[in-house]
C-alpha atoms as a PDB file:
ATOM      1  CA  UNK A   1      67.301  23.422  29.410  1.00  0.00           C
ATOM      2  CA  UNK A   2      64.627  20.996  27.784  1.00  0.00           C
ATOM      3  CA  UNK A   3      63.124  20.852  31.351  1.00  0.00           C
ATOM      4  CA  UNK A   4      62.846  24.729  31.216  1.00  0.00           C
ATOM      5  CA  UNK A   5      61.711  25.103  27.965  1.00  0.00           C
ATOM      6  CA  UNK A   6      58.742  22.616  28.566  1.00  0.00           C
ATOM      7  CA  UNK A   7      57.578  24.016  31.586  1.00  0.00           C
ATOM      8  CA  UNK A   8      57.473  27.410  30.105  1.00  0.00           C
ATOM      9  CA  UNK A   9      55.743  25.942  27.165  1.00  0.00           C
ATOM     10  CA  UNK A  10      53.250  24.483  29.380  1.00  0.00           C
ATOM     11  CA  UNK A  11      52.582  27.686  31.120  1.00  0.00           C
ATOM     12  CA  UNK A  12      52.005  29.418  27.979  1.00  0.00           C
ATOM     13  CA  UNK A  13      49.488  26.966  26.948  1.00  0.00           C
ATOM     14  CA  UNK A  14      47.705  27.294  30.030  1.00  0.00           C
ATOM     15  CA  UNK A  15      47.490  30.915  29.653  1.00  0.00           C
ATOM     16  CA  UNK A  16      46.487  30.657  25.945  1.00  0.00           C
ATOM     17  CA  UNK A  17      43.755  28.209  27.008  1.00  0.00           C
ATOM     18  CA  UNK A  18      42.412  30.630  29.791  1.00  0.00           C
ATOM     19  CA  UNK A  19      42.422  33.662  27.313  1.00  0.00           C
ATOM     20  CA  UNK A  20      40.092  31.734  24.944  1.00  0.00           C
ATOM     21  CA  UNK A  21      37.734  30.179  27.705  1.00  0.00           C
ATOM     22  CA  UNK A  22      37.564  33.807  29.425  1.00  0.00           C
ATOM     23  CA  UNK A  23      36.890  35.460  25.930  1.00  0.00           C
ATOM     24  CA  UNK A  24      34.016  32.965  25.134  1.00  0.00           C
ATOM     25  CA  UNK A  25      30.862  34.583  23.831  1.00  0.00           C
ATOM     26  CA  UNK A  26      27.869  34.551  26.177  1.00  0.00           C
ATOM     27  CA  UNK A  27      26.717  31.033  26.423  1.00  0.00           C
ATOM     28  CA  UNK A  28      29.487  29.297  24.411  1.00  0.00           C
ATOM     29  CA  UNK A  29      32.300  28.576  26.885  1.00  0.00           C
ATOM     30  CA  UNK A  30      31.329  24.770  26.957  1.00  0.00           C
ATOM     31  CA  UNK A  31      31.853  24.546  22.966  1.00  0.00           C
ATOM     32  CA  UNK A  32      35.080  26.757  23.601  1.00  0.00           C
ATOM     33  CA  UNK A  33      36.269  24.248  26.383  1.00  0.00           C
ATOM     34  CA  UNK A  34      35.401  21.008  24.337  1.00  0.00           C
ATOM     35  CA  UNK A  35      37.652  22.317  21.145  1.00  0.00           C
ATOM     36  CA  UNK A  36      40.414  23.420  23.456  1.00  0.00           C
ATOM     37  CA  UNK A  37      40.695  20.076  25.373  1.00  0.00           C
ATOM     38  CA  UNK A  38      41.020  18.420  22.007  1.00  0.00           C
ATOM     39  CA  UNK A  39      43.476  20.925  20.478  1.00  0.00           C
ATOM     40  CA  UNK A  40      45.688  20.611  23.708  1.00  0.00           C
ATOM     41  CA  UNK A  41      45.575  16.974  24.088  1.00  0.00           C
ATOM     42  CA  UNK A  42      46.803  17.443  27.694  1.00  0.00           C
ATOM     43  CA  UNK A  43      44.418  16.805  30.578  1.00  0.00           C
ATOM     44  CA  UNK A  44      46.702  18.629  33.130  1.00  0.00           C
ATOM     45  CA  UNK A  45      46.972  21.680  31.222  1.00  0.00           C
ATOM     46  CA  UNK A  46      43.447  22.020  30.302  1.00  0.00           C
ATOM     47  CA  UNK A  47      42.057  20.988  33.878  1.00  0.00           C
ATOM     48  CA  UNK A  48      44.404  23.716  35.312  1.00  0.00           C
ATOM     49  CA  UNK A  49      43.335  26.241  33.070  1.00  0.00           C
ATOM     50  CA  UNK A  50      39.535  25.577  33.159  1.00  0.00           C
ATOM     51  CA  UNK A  51      39.548  25.232  36.966  1.00  0.00           C
ATOM     52  CA  UNK A  52      40.687  28.852  37.041  1.00  0.00           C
ATOM     53  CA  UNK A  53      38.837  30.547  33.814  1.00  0.00           C
ATOM     54  CA  UNK A  54      35.663  29.042  34.650  1.00  0.00           C
ATOM     55  CA  UNK A  55      35.278  30.498  37.966  1.00  0.00           C
ATOM     56  CA  UNK A  56      36.135  33.855  36.699  1.00  0.00           C
ATOM     57  CA  UNK A  57      33.997  33.443  33.680  1.00  0.00           C
ATOM     58  CA  UNK A  58      31.019  32.524  35.476  1.00  0.00           C
ATOM     59  CA  UNK A  59      31.033  35.400  38.064  1.00  0.00           C
ATOM     60  CA  UNK A  60      31.675  38.008  35.333  1.00  0.00           C
ATOM     61  CA  UNK A  61      28.733  36.907  33.165  1.00  0.00           C
ATOM     62  CA  UNK A  62      26.521  36.508  36.157  1.00  0.00           C
ATOM     63  CA  UNK A  63      25.330  32.975  34.851  1.00  0.00           C
ATOM     64  CA  UNK A  64      22.147  31.481  36.516  1.00  0.00           C
ATOM     65  CA  UNK A  65      21.872  28.101  37.870  1.00  0.00           C
ATOM     66  CA  UNK A  66      18.965  26.150  38.817  1.00  0.00           C
ATOM     67  CA  UNK A  67      19.045  24.748  42.278  1.00  0.00           C
ATOM     68  CA  UNK A  68      18.918  21.242  42.751  1.00  0.00           C
ATOM     69  CA  UNK A  69      15.268  20.869  44.175  1.00  0.00           C
ATOM     70  CA  UNK A  70      14.324  22.978  41.522  1.00  0.00           C
ATOM     71  CA  UNK A  71      12.737  25.401  43.874  1.00  0.00           C
ATOM     72  CA  UNK A  72      14.406  28.345  42.212  1.00  0.00           C
ATOM     73  CA  UNK A  73      17.847  29.803  40.669  1.00  0.00           C
ATOM     74  CA  UNK A  74      20.894  31.394  41.992  1.00  0.00           C
ATOM     75  CA  UNK A  75      22.968  33.856  40.237  1.00  0.00           C
ATOM     76  CA  UNK A  76      26.855  33.219  40.329  1.00  0.00           C
ATOM     77  CA  UNK A  77      28.699  36.510  41.117  1.00  0.00           C
ATOM     78  CA  UNK A  78      31.519  37.948  43.100  1.00  0.00           C
ATOM     79  CA  UNK A  79      29.031  39.970  45.025  1.00  0.00           C
ATOM     80  CA  UNK A  80      27.371  36.846  46.696  1.00  0.00           C
ATOM     81  CA  UNK A  81      30.355  34.627  47.044  1.00  0.00           C
ATOM     82  CA  UNK A  82      30.928  33.534  50.451  1.00  0.00           C
ATOM     83  CA  UNK A  83      33.463  30.672  49.472  1.00  0.00           C
ATOM     84  CA  UNK A  84      34.933  29.658  46.070  1.00  0.00           C
ATOM     85  CA  UNK A  85      31.940  27.265  45.143  1.00  0.00           C
ATOM     86  CA  UNK A  86      29.384  28.869  47.574  1.00  0.00           C
ATOM     87  CA  UNK A  87      26.962  31.624  46.755  1.00  0.00           C
ATOM     88  CA  UNK A  88      24.341  33.185  48.841  1.00  0.00           C
ATOM     89  CA  UNK A  89      20.595  33.519  47.791  1.00  0.00           C
ATOM     90  CA  UNK A  90      19.206  36.087  50.139  1.00  0.00           C
ATOM     91  CA  UNK A  91      15.937  35.913  48.663  1.00  0.00           C
ATOM     92  CA  UNK A  92      15.539  32.306  49.896  1.00  0.00           C
ATOM     93  CA  UNK A  93      18.082  32.414  52.688  1.00  0.00           C
ATOM     94  CA  UNK A  94      19.936  29.362  51.220  1.00  0.00           C
ATOM     95  CA  UNK A  95      23.512  29.136  49.971  1.00  0.00           C
ATOM     96  CA  UNK A  96      24.265  27.156  46.779  1.00  0.00           C
ATOM     97  CA  UNK A  97      27.240  24.776  46.291  1.00  0.00           C
ATOM     98  CA  UNK A  98      28.334  25.299  42.463  1.00  0.00           C
ATOM     99  CA  UNK A  99      30.482  23.263  40.214  1.00  0.00           C
ATOM    100  CA  UNK A 100      32.051  25.961  38.178  1.00  0.00           C
ATOM    101  CA  UNK A 101      33.279  23.975  35.231  1.00  0.00           C
ATOM    102  CA  UNK A 102      30.256  22.125  34.893  1.00  0.00           C
ATOM    103  CA  UNK A 103      28.054  24.917  35.622  1.00  0.00           C
ATOM    104  CA  UNK A 104      25.797  23.197  37.697  1.00  0.00           C
ATOM    105  CA  UNK A 105      24.592  23.718  41.311  1.00  0.00           C
ATOM    106  CA  UNK A 106      25.243  20.525  43.084  1.00  0.00           C
ATOM    107  CA  UNK A 107      23.882  21.152  46.429  1.00  0.00           C
ATOM    108  CA  UNK A 108      22.370  23.725  48.898  1.00  0.00           C
ATOM    109  CA  UNK A 109      22.433  24.253  52.545  1.00  0.00           C
ATOM    110  CA  UNK A 110      20.648  27.109  54.672  1.00  0.00           C
ATOM    111  CA  UNK A 111      22.354  30.066  55.668  1.00  0.00           C
ATOM    112  CA  UNK A 112      24.036  30.812  59.002  1.00  0.00           C
ATOM    113  CA  UNK A 113      23.070  33.615  60.941  1.00  0.00           C
ATOM    114  CA  UNK A 114      26.165  35.673  60.209  1.00  0.00           C
ATOM    115  CA  UNK A 115      25.679  35.454  56.656  1.00  0.00           C
ATOM    116  CA  UNK A 116      22.732  37.401  56.682  1.00  0.00           C
ATOM    117  CA  UNK A 117      21.908  41.129  56.898  1.00  0.00           C
ATOM    118  CA  UNK A 118      20.617  42.660  60.138  1.00  0.00           C
ATOM    119  CA  UNK A 119      16.867  43.295  60.207  1.00  0.00           C
ATOM    120  CA  UNK A 120      17.027  46.978  59.752  1.00  0.00           C
ATOM    121  CA  UNK A 121      19.545  46.344  56.426  1.00  0.00           C
ATOM    122  CA  UNK A 122      16.958  43.669  55.346  1.00  0.00           C
ATOM    123  CA  UNK A 123      14.095  45.822  55.480  1.00  0.00           C
ATOM    124  CA  UNK A 124      15.496  48.214  52.748  1.00  0.00           C
ATOM    125  CA  UNK A 125      17.119  45.140  50.813  1.00  0.00           C
ATOM    126  CA  UNK A 126      13.771  43.353  50.596  1.00  0.00           C
ATOM    127  CA  UNK A 127      11.743  46.555  49.753  1.00  0.00           C
ATOM    128  CA  UNK A 128      14.482  46.962  46.845  1.00  0.00           C
ATOM    129  CA  UNK A 129      14.292  43.248  45.698  1.00  0.00           C
ATOM    130  CA  UNK A 130      10.468  43.351  45.306  1.00  0.00           C
ATOM    131  CA  UNK A 131      10.673  46.732  43.148  1.00  0.00           C
ATOM    132  CA  UNK A 132      13.266  45.011  40.832  1.00  0.00           C
ATOM    133  CA  UNK A 133      11.500  42.133  40.650  1.00  0.00           C
ATOM    134  CA  UNK A 134       8.700  43.963  39.233  1.00  0.00           C
ATOM    135  CA  UNK A 135      10.981  46.138  36.754  1.00  0.00           C
ATOM    136  CA  UNK A 136      12.628  42.794  35.557  1.00  0.00           C
ATOM    137  CA  UNK A 137       9.299  40.918  35.026  1.00  0.00           C
ATOM    138  CA  UNK A 138       8.556  43.949  32.863  1.00  0.00           C
ATOM    139  CA  UNK A 139      11.673  44.581  30.828  1.00  0.00           C
ATOM    140  CA  UNK A 140      13.194  41.143  30.960  1.00  0.00           C
ATOM    141  CA  UNK A 141      11.171  38.044  30.569  1.00  0.00           C
ATOM    142  CA  UNK A 142      13.961  35.777  30.698  1.00  0.00           C
ATOM    143  CA  UNK A 143      15.682  37.903  33.189  1.00  0.00           C
ATOM    144  CA  UNK A 144      16.903  37.239  36.804  1.00  0.00           C
ATOM    145  CA  UNK A 145      17.786  39.703  39.505  1.00  0.00           C
ATOM    146  CA  UNK A 146      19.027  39.797  42.972  1.00  0.00           C
ATOM    147  CA  UNK A 147      20.040  42.619  45.428  1.00  0.00           C
ATOM    148  CA  UNK A 148      22.891  42.150  47.789  1.00  0.00           C
ATOM    149  CA  UNK A 149      24.384  44.107  50.698  1.00  0.00           C
ATOM    150  CA  UNK A 150      27.980  44.547  50.128  1.00  0.00           C
ATOM    151  CA  UNK A 151      28.797  46.951  52.989  1.00  0.00           C
ATOM    152  CA  UNK A 152      27.357  47.671  56.699  1.00  0.00           C
ATOM    153  CA  UNK A 153      25.240  44.359  56.651  1.00  0.00           C
ATOM    154  CA  UNK A 154      25.307  44.462  60.425  1.00  0.00           C
ATOM    155  CA  UNK A 155      24.240  47.936  60.880  1.00  0.00           C
ATOM    156  CA  UNK A 156      21.321  47.784  63.418  1.00  0.00           C
ATOM    157  CA  UNK A 157      19.679  51.230  63.065  1.00  0.00           C
ATOM    158  CA  UNK A 158      19.558  54.446  61.532  1.00  0.00           C
ATOM    159  CA  UNK A 159      22.947  56.643  61.768  1.00  0.00           C
ATOM    160  CA  UNK A 160      25.407  54.643  59.526  1.00  0.00           C
ATOM    161  CA  UNK A 161      26.127  54.212  55.822  1.00  0.00           C
ATOM    162  CA  UNK A 162      25.629  51.004  53.993  1.00  0.00           C
ATOM    163  CA  UNK A 163      25.739  49.945  50.264  1.00  0.00           C
ATOM    164  CA  UNK A 164      23.458  47.363  48.017  1.00  0.00           C
ATOM    165  CA  UNK A 165      24.238  45.921  44.492  1.00  0.00           C
ATOM    166  CA  UNK A 166      21.786  44.930  42.230  1.00  0.00           C
ATOM    167  CA  UNK A 167      22.484  42.284  39.635  1.00  0.00           C
ATOM    168  CA  UNK A 168      20.338  41.681  36.398  1.00  0.00           C
ATOM    169  CA  UNK A 169      21.070  39.220  34.195  1.00  0.00           C
ATOM    170  CA  UNK A 170      19.265  38.046  31.084  1.00  0.00           C
ATOM    171  CA  UNK A 171      20.700  35.469  28.479  1.00  0.00           C
ATOM    172  CA  UNK A 172      19.077  34.382  25.232  1.00  0.00           C
ATOM    173  CA  UNK A 173      21.130  31.227  23.812  1.00  0.00           C
ATOM    174  CA  UNK A 174      20.036  30.029  20.357  1.00  0.00           C
ATOM    175  CA  UNK A 175      22.847  28.345  18.584  1.00  0.00           C
ATOM    176  CA  UNK A 176      20.383  26.283  16.201  1.00  0.00           C
ATOM    177  CA  UNK A 177      19.604  29.824  14.962  1.00  0.00           C
ATOM    178  CA  UNK A 178      23.298  30.888  14.890  1.00  0.00           C
ATOM    179  CA  UNK A 179      23.244  33.423  17.712  1.00  0.00           C
ATOM    180  CA  UNK A 180      23.682  34.076  21.592  1.00  0.00           C
ATOM    181  CA  UNK A 181      23.146  37.337  23.471  1.00  0.00           C
ATOM    182  CA  UNK A 182      22.934  38.450  27.061  1.00  0.00           C
ATOM    183  CA  UNK A 183      22.328  41.453  29.119  1.00  0.00           C
ATOM    184  CA  UNK A 184      24.208  42.142  32.122  1.00  0.00           C
ATOM    185  CA  UNK A 185      23.295  45.271  34.587  1.00  0.00           C
ATOM    186  CA  UNK A 186      25.389  45.911  37.671  1.00  0.00           C
ATOM    187  CA  UNK A 187      24.012  48.689  39.932  1.00  0.00           C
ATOM    188  CA  UNK A 188      25.554  50.008  43.112  1.00  0.00           C
ATOM    189  CA  UNK A 189      23.602  51.745  45.717  1.00  0.00           C
ATOM    190  CA  UNK A 190      25.335  53.971  48.483  1.00  0.00           C
ATOM    191  CA  UNK A 191      23.001  54.563  51.335  1.00  0.00           C
ATOM    192  CA  UNK A 192      24.521  57.958  52.943  1.00  0.00           C
ATOM    193  CA  UNK A 193      22.529  58.529  56.009  1.00  0.00           C
ATOM    194  CA  UNK A 194      24.974  61.591  57.221  1.00  0.00           C
ATOM    195  CA  UNK A 195      24.017  63.710  53.888  1.00  0.00           C
ATOM    196  CA  UNK A 196      20.574  61.885  53.401  1.00  0.00           C
ATOM    197  CA  UNK A 197      21.517  60.795  49.905  1.00  0.00           C
ATOM    198  CA  UNK A 198      21.656  57.728  47.712  1.00  0.00           C
ATOM    199  CA  UNK A 199      24.413  57.545  45.229  1.00  0.00           C
ATOM    200  CA  UNK A 200      23.638  55.133  42.352  1.00  0.00           C
ATOM    201  CA  UNK A 201      26.210  53.962  39.746  1.00  0.00           C
ATOM    202  CA  UNK A 202      25.633  51.593  36.977  1.00  0.00           C
ATOM    203  CA  UNK A 203      27.418  49.405  34.697  1.00  0.00           C
ATOM    204  CA  UNK A 204      25.481  47.924  31.590  1.00  0.00           C
ATOM    205  CA  UNK A 205      27.176  45.399  29.395  1.00  0.00           C
ATOM    206  CA  UNK A 206      25.439  44.106  26.092  1.00  0.00           C
ATOM    207  CA  UNK A 207      26.930  40.686  24.695  1.00  0.00           C
ATOM    208  CA  UNK A 208      25.727  39.123  21.208  1.00  0.00           C
ATOM    209  CA  UNK A 209      27.148  36.789  18.885  1.00  0.00           C
ATOM    210  CA  UNK A 210      25.829  36.272  15.011  1.00  0.00           C
ATOM    211  CA  UNK A 211      27.356  33.633  13.256  1.00  0.00           C
ATOM    212  CA  UNK A 212      25.067  32.643  10.462  1.00  0.00           C
ATOM    213  CA  UNK A 213      27.684  32.452   7.253  1.00  0.00           C
ATOM    214  CA  UNK A 214      29.696  35.000   9.190  1.00  0.00           C
ATOM    215  CA  UNK A 215      30.818  35.934  12.617  1.00  0.00           C
ATOM    216  CA  UNK A 216      29.838  39.203  14.198  1.00  0.00           C
ATOM    217  CA  UNK A 217      30.188  40.110  17.781  1.00  0.00           C
ATOM    218  CA  UNK A 218      28.686  42.958  19.891  1.00  0.00           C
ATOM    219  CA  UNK A 219      30.569  43.871  23.254  1.00  0.00           C
ATOM    220  CA  UNK A 220      28.964  47.232  24.184  1.00  0.00           C
ATOM    221  CA  UNK A 221      29.348  48.714  27.663  1.00  0.00           C
ATOM    222  CA  UNK A 222      28.187  51.762  29.368  1.00  0.00           C
ATOM    223  CA  UNK A 223      28.357  53.372  32.573  1.00  0.00           C
ATOM    224  CA  UNK A 224      26.087  56.099  34.279  1.00  0.00           C
ATOM    225  CA  UNK A 225      25.603  57.768  37.676  1.00  0.00           C
ATOM    226  CA  UNK A 226      22.576  59.325  39.276  1.00  0.00           C
ATOM    227  CA  UNK A 227      21.224  60.222  42.906  1.00  0.00           C
ATOM    228  CA  UNK A 228      18.129  60.509  45.082  1.00  0.00           C
ATOM    229  CA  UNK A 229      17.115  61.430  48.377  1.00  0.00           C
ATOM    230  CA  UNK A 230      17.418  58.908  51.546  1.00  0.00           C
ATOM    231  CA  UNK A 231      13.875  57.961  52.309  1.00  0.00           C
ATOM    232  CA  UNK A 232      11.892  54.975  53.833  1.00  0.00           C
ATOM    233  CA  UNK A 233      12.834  51.727  52.293  1.00  0.00           C
ATOM    234  CA  UNK A 234       9.748  51.285  50.210  1.00  0.00           C
ATOM    235  CA  UNK A 235       9.961  55.027  48.755  1.00  0.00           C
ATOM    236  CA  UNK A 236      13.787  54.481  48.446  1.00  0.00           C
ATOM    237  CA  UNK A 237      13.027  51.273  46.343  1.00  0.00           C
ATOM    238  CA  UNK A 238      10.915  53.113  44.197  1.00  0.00           C
ATOM    239  CA  UNK A 239      13.146  55.739  43.402  1.00  0.00           C
ATOM    240  CA  UNK A 240      16.157  53.639  42.432  1.00  0.00           C
ATOM    241  CA  UNK A 241      14.155  51.152  40.113  1.00  0.00           C
ATOM    242  CA  UNK A 242      12.862  54.521  38.296  1.00  0.00           C
ATOM    243  CA  UNK A 243      16.405  55.539  38.094  1.00  0.00           C
ATOM    244  CA  UNK A 244      17.386  52.023  36.653  1.00  0.00           C
ATOM    245  CA  UNK A 245      14.304  52.105  34.348  1.00  0.00           C
ATOM    246  CA  UNK A 246      15.245  55.388  33.070  1.00  0.00           C
ATOM    247  CA  UNK A 247      18.860  54.719  32.267  1.00  0.00           C
ATOM    248  CA  UNK A 248      18.586  51.213  31.137  1.00  0.00           C
ATOM    249  CA  UNK A 249      15.581  52.695  28.499  1.00  0.00           C
ATOM    250  CA  UNK A 250      18.126  55.404  27.627  1.00  0.00           C
ATOM    251  CA  UNK A 251      21.127  53.173  26.866  1.00  0.00           C
ATOM    252  CA  UNK A 252      18.826  51.047  24.794  1.00  0.00           C
ATOM    253  CA  UNK A 253      17.758  54.000  22.503  1.00  0.00           C
ATOM    254  CA  UNK A 254      21.450  54.959  22.094  1.00  0.00           C
ATOM    255  CA  UNK A 255      22.286  51.273  20.743  1.00  0.00           C
ATOM    256  CA  UNK A 256      19.517  51.503  18.604  1.00  0.00           C
ATOM    257  CA  UNK A 257      20.601  54.602  17.240  1.00  0.00           C
ATOM    258  CA  UNK A 258      23.982  53.492  16.688  1.00  0.00           C
ATOM    259  CA  UNK A 259      23.756  50.096  15.224  1.00  0.00           C
ATOM    260  CA  UNK A 260      20.888  50.924  12.898  1.00  0.00           C
ATOM    261  CA  UNK A 261      23.548  52.708  10.616  1.00  0.00           C
ATOM    262  CA  UNK A 262      26.066  49.928  11.229  1.00  0.00           C
ATOM    263  CA  UNK A 263      26.171  48.431   7.727  1.00  0.00           C
ATOM    264  CA  UNK A 264      26.744  51.809   6.091  1.00  0.00           C
ATOM    265  CA  UNK A 265      29.556  52.614   8.370  1.00  0.00           C
ATOM    266  CA  UNK A 266      31.478  49.962   9.889  1.00  0.00           C
ATOM    267  CA  UNK A 267      30.681  47.609   7.138  1.00  0.00           C
ATOM    268  CA  UNK A 268      30.586  50.252   4.300  1.00  0.00           C
ATOM    269  CA  UNK A 269      33.682  48.708   2.400  1.00  0.00           C
ATOM    270  CA  UNK A 270      32.566  45.059   2.506  1.00  0.00           C
ATOM    271  CA  UNK A 271      31.743  43.222  -0.718  1.00  0.00           C
ATOM    272  CA  UNK A 272      28.185  42.687   0.860  1.00  0.00           C
ATOM    273  CA  UNK A 273      26.395  43.965   3.795  1.00  0.00           C
ATOM    274  CA  UNK A 274      25.583  41.913   6.779  1.00  0.00           C
ATOM    275  CA  UNK A 275      23.667  39.998   7.622  1.00  0.00           C
ATOM    276  CA  UNK A 276      23.199  37.610   4.438  1.00  0.00           C
ATOM    277  CA  UNK A 277      19.663  39.124   3.713  1.00  0.00           C
ATOM    278  CA  UNK A 278      21.501  42.431   2.988  1.00  0.00           C
ATOM    279  CA  UNK A 279      19.350  44.046   5.764  1.00  0.00           C
ATOM    280  CA  UNK A 280      20.165  46.816   8.151  1.00  0.00           C
ATOM    281  CA  UNK A 281      19.894  46.305  12.001  1.00  0.00           C
ATOM    282  CA  UNK A 282      16.157  47.150  12.598  1.00  0.00           C
ATOM    283  CA  UNK A 283      16.068  47.226  16.060  1.00  0.00           C
ATOM    284  CA  UNK A 284      12.494  48.680  16.322  1.00  0.00           C
ATOM    285  CA  UNK A 285      11.301  46.252  13.561  1.00  0.00           C
ATOM    286  CA  UNK A 286      11.736  43.135  15.303  1.00  0.00           C
ATOM    287  CA  UNK A 287      10.253  40.794  12.363  1.00  0.00           C
ATOM    288  CA  UNK A 288      12.830  41.432   9.952  1.00  0.00           C
ATOM    289  CA  UNK A 289      16.163  40.431  11.551  1.00  0.00           C
ATOM    290  CA  UNK A 290      16.391  37.317  13.793  1.00  0.00           C
ATOM    291  CA  UNK A 291      19.245  38.791  15.939  1.00  0.00           C
ATOM    292  CA  UNK A 292      17.199  41.767  16.850  1.00  0.00           C
ATOM    293  CA  UNK A 293      14.163  39.538  17.595  1.00  0.00           C
ATOM    294  CA  UNK A 294      16.299  37.360  19.859  1.00  0.00           C
ATOM    295  CA  UNK A 295      17.928  39.911  21.772  1.00  0.00           C
ATOM    296  CA  UNK A 296      15.029  42.675  22.104  1.00  0.00           C
ATOM    297  CA  UNK A 297      12.224  40.633  22.222  1.00  0.00           C
ATOM    298  CA  UNK A 298      13.292  37.379  23.923  1.00  0.00           C
ATOM    299  CA  UNK A 299      15.759  39.220  26.222  1.00  0.00           C
ATOM    300  CA  UNK A 300      13.296  41.620  26.889  1.00  0.00           C
ATOM    301  CA  UNK A 301      15.233  44.772  26.389  1.00  0.00           C
ATOM    302  CA  UNK A 302      12.380  46.880  25.350  1.00  0.00           C
ATOM    303  CA  UNK A 303      11.412  50.236  26.334  1.00  0.00           C
END
């Protein structure tokens, strides 16, 4: 009986540790992990929890890691995962080997032929990648993006359907200023040649943690759908980028409208308004509020 209780307690501790790690705010999992390890005082339980949780956290947060030769960066997502620690970078035709717990890229290798898309698919993917790079450079100065083929990568010519996923990740970590934040965009594009249409679906997520003399967290999500006609690769790419630009700007406007009144609604009954300066959330006036400046200016989520 005592042995069974011990096993159950160990399992519970592992699950609780995983929950804390998986729910860490953007950029703060290493801090949470350090404290958890100290509280657990059990390396076996911690290592088992960390091994599972870090991999899931890294992929869900679209973390970006520098390649070992410093030639570029690779996104860690479930859409470019070849193995549990191997992630494809289609732009450079390289595969990054990742240590999830340390959150570093330890090695890299060239891609095998079967890991790449066909020349026909690659023409569409490269055209879209070029347009998304332009858009991200304009809207997210610290943003990273990539385009992956998740369905039909072996299609050799017209007549078949295929699907791309566009991932955008922008992070601003500033713990010395008591705030961290991230913007994540996930766009799926279904190319349907039989009906000559492209179906576009977006999932946008903003996370922020402000902890100067308080603890305020933002976790906002938004989904949207759109469509455009099937055209030549360059024309498809421009249409898709414009759709993304429109919906993300529209979402930002909705955030601005919602959170500008936050202290007078959600925090109305508190003894003092947040943050300490008693100011509102002036999303447009980035000189007044450091969280807004870090999220909007540094992440670059401007219209």
